[in-house]
Amino acid sequence: MRDINIRSGAGLLYLLLLALLIVPAPVSFAQGQEAFHQARKSGLISIPEKVAIEQSCESHRQFYGPAAFDQCIADGLSRLETPAEKPDMSGVSKLERDAIEEACSKSRRIYGEAVYFRCISKQLKGLKRLVGKPDLSRVSVFEKDLIEKSCAIEKRLFGPVNFYMCINDRISELDSFLHKPDLSRFSQTQKEMLERACGVEKRLYGPARFYSCIEVELARHPRRYSRYR
C-alpha cells in the first residue's frame, strides 16, 4: 500500500512538472506582444512578419519558458532583412533625426545593431512616403505649444512619422472646433480654476479637447464664472 502511495505521489509530481512545461507563460506572452506592438507601430515589422515570428516561437513559449520565448523573438527580429550599416540620415531635419534615434534606441538596446539599423531604415522610408508635413502656421503660439507637447510621446516612442500624424490629427480637431473660448474675459482666479479642471485635456490631448473641456466646465458651473462673462 505504501509503495502504491509513493508511486502515486511520484506520478502526480511528474504530471505537475509536465503541466508547468506545457501551460503557456502569460507574462512572457504579454512581453512578446508588447515587443511586437512597439515594433509594429514604429514600422519595424509588417503584420505578416509578426505572425511568422510568433508562430515560429510558439513552441519556445510553451516548452522552455519566458526567457527562451523572448530570445526567440529577438532572434526572429534580427533575422529580418537589415541594412549592412547604419542608414544615412543626412537628408532629414535635426528634429526628425533626433526623433528617429530616440524611437530606435530601445530596439538597439534590446535586439542589437541589426534591428536598430532596420528600425532607422523603416523610419526613413516612412518619411519618404509621407505626403506633406504639418502646417502649424495656422494656429496660435499657445495652440502650437499644446499640440507639440501632447504629441511628444508619439515622437519619443514611435518616431517623426507618428509625431506628424498626431499633429495633423490635433489640427483637424481644432479646425472642427467652431467657437474657441476667450480666456481673457476671466479673472486670474477663474483661469486657474479652469486650468485645474481641464489640465489633463490640455497636457495630453491638445487645444481642441482643452477648449471642449472649458465649455463643459462653464456650462456646469455658470455662477462660478458668470461675473466676468
Protein backbone atom coordinates (compact mmCIF):
# COMPACT_ATOMS: atom_id res chain seq x y z
CA MET A 1 0.00 0.00 0.00
CA ARG A 2 2.81 2.37 0.90
CA ASP A 3 4.58 1.52 -2.38
CA ILE A 4 1.40 2.41 -4.29
CA ASN A 5 1.18 5.78 -2.48
CA ILE A 6 4.80 6.56 -3.34
CA ARG A 7 4.26 5.69 -6.98
CA SER A 8 1.06 7.76 -6.99
CA GLY A 9 2.86 10.74 -5.44
CA ALA A 10 5.67 10.47 -7.95
CA GLY A 11 3.11 10.31 -10.73
CA LEU A 12 1.39 13.47 -9.52
CA LEU A 13 4.73 15.24 -9.27
CA TYR A 14 5.56 14.18 -12.83
CA LEU A 15 2.19 15.48 -14.08
CA LEU A 16 2.72 18.78 -12.25
CA LEU A 17 6.14 19.28 -13.82
CA LEU A 18 4.73 18.39 -17.23
CA ALA A 19 1.92 20.92 -16.77
CA LEU A 20 4.41 23.64 -15.89
CA LEU A 21 6.24 22.95 -19.14
CA ILE A 22 3.15 22.85 -21.33
CA VAL A 23 0.98 25.62 -19.89
CA PRO A 24 1.85 28.92 -21.66
CA ALA A 25 3.56 31.57 -19.59
CA PRO A 26 1.23 34.60 -19.65
CA VAL A 27 3.90 37.08 -18.60
CA SER A 28 6.18 36.03 -21.43
CA PHE A 29 3.33 36.18 -23.92
CA ALA A 30 2.42 39.68 -22.77
CA GLN A 31 6.04 40.78 -23.08
CA GLY A 32 6.23 39.32 -26.56
CA GLN A 33 3.02 41.06 -27.61
CA GLU A 34 4.30 44.39 -26.24
CA ALA A 35 7.57 43.99 -28.15
CA PHE A 36 5.64 43.29 -31.34
CA HIS A 37 3.29 46.22 -30.71
CA GLN A 38 6.20 48.62 -30.31
CA ALA A 39 7.99 47.21 -33.36
CA ARG A 40 4.83 47.32 -35.48
CA LYS A 41 3.91 50.90 -34.60
CA SER A 42 7.48 52.02 -35.19
CA GLY A 43 7.35 50.42 -38.64
CA LEU A 44 9.95 47.85 -37.66
CA ILE A 45 7.98 44.81 -38.88
CA SER A 46 4.94 44.12 -41.04
CA ILE A 47 1.92 42.10 -39.90
CA PRO A 48 2.92 39.00 -41.95
CA GLU A 49 6.40 39.15 -40.42
CA LYS A 50 4.90 39.45 -36.94
CA VAL A 51 2.67 36.42 -37.49
CA ALA A 52 5.56 34.36 -38.87
CA ILE A 53 7.81 35.13 -35.88
CA GLU A 54 5.01 34.41 -33.41
CA GLN A 55 4.29 31.04 -34.97
CA SER A 56 7.93 30.03 -35.07
CA CYS A 57 8.41 30.99 -31.39
CA GLU A 58 5.23 29.39 -30.04
CA SER A 59 6.93 26.12 -29.10
CA HIS A 60 9.63 28.04 -27.20
CA ARG A 61 6.94 29.79 -25.19
CA GLN A 62 5.15 26.55 -24.35
CA PHE A 63 8.06 24.24 -23.55
CA TYR A 64 11.03 26.39 -22.49
CA GLY A 65 9.56 29.40 -20.73
CA PRO A 66 9.73 33.22 -20.89
CA ALA A 67 13.46 33.65 -21.43
CA ALA A 68 13.55 31.28 -24.39
CA PHE A 69 10.46 32.88 -25.90
CA ASP A 70 11.90 36.40 -25.63
CA GLN A 71 15.21 35.22 -27.07
CA CYS A 72 13.35 33.60 -29.96
CA ILE A 73 11.62 36.91 -30.68
CA ALA A 74 14.95 38.75 -30.58
CA ASP A 75 16.48 36.20 -32.97
CA GLY A 76 13.48 36.44 -35.28
CA LEU A 77 13.64 40.23 -35.44
CA SER A 78 17.38 40.20 -36.05
CA ARG A 79 16.96 37.77 -38.97
CA LEU A 80 14.70 40.17 -40.85
CA GLU A 81 16.27 41.97 -43.78
CA THR A 82 18.50 44.74 -42.45
CA PRO A 83 21.00 47.22 -43.91
CA ALA A 84 24.66 46.23 -43.65
CA GLU A 85 25.46 49.55 -41.95
CA LYS A 86 23.69 52.44 -40.29
CA PRO A 87 21.45 54.21 -42.86
CA ASP A 88 22.37 57.74 -43.90
CA MET A 89 20.17 60.29 -42.15
CA SER A 90 21.80 63.41 -43.61
CA GLY A 91 18.70 64.12 -45.72
CA VAL A 92 16.35 64.65 -42.77
CA SER A 93 15.98 67.54 -40.36
CA LYS A 94 17.57 67.61 -36.91
CA LEU A 95 14.15 67.15 -35.29
CA GLU A 96 13.47 64.09 -37.45
CA ARG A 97 16.95 62.65 -36.89
CA ASP A 98 16.69 63.05 -33.13
CA ALA A 99 13.20 61.52 -33.11
CA ILE A 100 14.37 58.52 -35.15
CA GLU A 101 17.34 57.94 -32.87
CA GLU A 102 15.16 58.13 -29.77
CA ALA A 103 12.48 55.84 -31.20
CA CYS A 104 15.03 53.25 -32.38
CA SER A 105 17.35 53.33 -29.38
CA LYS A 106 15.19 50.83 -27.48
CA SER A 107 15.49 48.35 -30.37
CA ARG A 108 19.25 48.77 -30.24
CA ARG A 109 19.46 48.09 -26.51
CA ILE A 110 17.20 45.04 -26.61
CA TYR A 111 17.82 43.44 -30.02
CA GLY A 112 21.19 44.77 -31.19
CA GLU A 113 22.67 46.70 -34.10
CA ALA A 114 20.91 44.80 -36.92
CA VAL A 115 17.40 45.56 -35.65
CA TYR A 116 18.46 49.13 -34.83
CA PHE A 117 19.58 49.67 -38.45
CA ARG A 118 16.35 48.16 -39.71
CA CYS A 119 14.33 50.48 -37.47
CA ILE A 120 16.13 53.54 -38.85
CA SER A 121 15.64 52.31 -42.42
CA LYS A 122 11.91 51.82 -41.85
CA GLN A 123 11.60 55.28 -40.28
CA LEU A 124 13.33 56.91 -43.27
CA LYS A 125 11.06 55.06 -45.72
CA GLY A 126 8.04 56.22 -43.73
CA LEU A 127 9.18 59.84 -44.02
CA LYS A 128 9.59 59.48 -47.80
CA ARG A 129 6.03 58.15 -48.11
CA LEU A 130 4.65 61.00 -46.01
CA VAL A 131 2.60 63.41 -48.14
CA GLY A 132 3.26 66.86 -46.75
CA LYS A 133 4.34 67.82 -43.25
CA PRO A 134 2.01 69.50 -40.75
CA ASP A 135 1.47 73.24 -41.14
CA LEU A 136 1.32 74.84 -37.71
CA SER A 137 1.41 78.40 -39.06
CA ARG A 138 -2.41 78.49 -38.95
CA VAL A 139 -2.61 78.09 -35.18
CA SER A 140 -1.65 80.43 -32.37
CA VAL A 141 1.60 80.13 -30.42
CA PHE A 142 -0.40 78.86 -27.44
CA GLU A 143 -2.12 76.18 -29.54
CA LYS A 144 1.12 75.17 -31.27
CA ASP A 145 2.77 74.63 -27.91
CA LEU A 146 -0.13 72.47 -26.67
CA ILE A 147 -0.19 70.41 -29.87
CA GLU A 148 3.54 69.68 -29.83
CA LYS A 149 3.54 68.80 -26.13
CA SER A 150 0.54 66.48 -26.44
CA CYS A 151 2.21 64.67 -29.38
CA ALA A 152 5.67 64.45 -27.79
CA ILE A 153 5.14 60.88 -26.59
CA GLU A 154 4.46 59.75 -30.18
CA LYS A 155 7.76 61.32 -31.23
CA ARG A 156 9.71 59.70 -28.40
CA LEU A 157 8.27 56.21 -28.78
CA PHE A 158 7.45 55.85 -32.48
CA GLY A 159 9.40 58.46 -34.43
CA PRO A 160 8.71 61.52 -36.60
CA VAL A 161 6.03 59.99 -38.87
CA ASN A 162 3.74 59.21 -35.93
CA PHE A 163 4.57 62.62 -34.47
CA TYR A 164 3.46 64.35 -37.68
CA MET A 165 0.31 62.21 -37.86
CA CYS A 166 -0.54 63.17 -34.29
CA ILE A 167 -0.06 66.87 -35.10
CA ASN A 168 -2.31 66.58 -38.17
CA ASP A 169 -4.99 64.95 -36.02
CA ARG A 170 -4.77 67.77 -33.48
CA ILE A 171 -5.04 70.41 -36.22
CA SER A 172 -8.09 68.65 -37.70
CA GLU A 173 -9.74 68.58 -34.28
CA LEU A 174 -9.02 72.28 -33.89
CA ASP A 175 -10.41 73.11 -37.35
CA SER A 176 -13.69 71.41 -36.46
CA PHE A 177 -13.96 73.42 -33.23
CA LEU A 178 -16.07 76.44 -34.23
CA HIS A 179 -16.14 78.59 -31.08
CA LYS A 180 -12.94 78.95 -29.09
CA PRO A 181 -13.38 80.27 -25.56
CA ASP A 182 -11.93 83.71 -24.86
CA LEU A 183 -9.97 83.23 -21.65
CA SER A 184 -9.07 86.92 -21.46
CA ARG A 185 -12.58 87.62 -20.17
CA PHE A 186 -11.97 85.77 -16.93
CA SER A 187 -10.15 86.78 -13.78
CA GLN A 188 -6.85 85.17 -12.86
CA THR A 189 -8.57 83.12 -10.17
CA GLN A 190 -11.14 81.83 -12.67
CA LYS A 191 -8.42 80.98 -15.20
CA GLU A 192 -6.63 78.96 -12.54
CA MET A 193 -9.86 77.09 -11.75
CA LEU A 194 -10.35 76.28 -15.44
CA GLU A 195 -6.74 75.13 -15.68
CA ARG A 196 -7.23 72.78 -12.74
CA ALA A 197 -10.47 71.40 -14.14
CA CYS A 198 -9.12 70.87 -17.66
CA GLY A 199 -5.41 70.38 -17.07
CA VAL A 200 -5.37 66.73 -18.18
CA GLU A 201 -7.03 67.53 -21.52
CA LYS A 202 -4.62 70.41 -22.04
CA ARG A 203 -1.48 68.38 -21.35
CA LEU A 204 -2.40 65.10 -23.03
CA TYR A 205 -4.90 65.82 -25.80
CA GLY A 206 -4.18 69.26 -27.20
CA PRO A 207 -6.08 72.55 -27.58
CA ALA A 208 -9.36 71.27 -29.08
CA ARG A 209 -10.01 68.92 -26.16
CA PHE A 210 -8.90 71.68 -23.77
CA TYR A 211 -11.41 74.13 -25.28
CA SER A 212 -14.14 71.49 -25.21
CA CYS A 213 -13.47 70.82 -21.54
CA ILE A 214 -13.69 74.54 -20.79
CA GLU A 215 -17.10 74.73 -22.47
CA VAL A 216 -18.34 71.83 -20.37
CA GLU A 217 -16.95 73.42 -17.20
CA LEU A 218 -18.62 76.78 -17.97
CA ALA A 219 -21.94 75.11 -18.65
CA ARG A 220 -21.68 73.02 -15.49
CA HIS A 221 -20.83 75.94 -13.18
CA PRO A 222 -22.37 79.10 -14.72
CA ARG A 223 -22.43 81.09 -11.48
CA ARG A 224 -18.80 80.42 -10.76
CA TYR A 225 -17.75 82.15 -13.99
CA SER A 226 -20.71 84.48 -14.72
CA ARG A 227 -19.25 87.60 -13.13
CA TYR A 228 -16.68 88.15 -15.85
CA ARG A 229 -18.55 86.71 -18.85
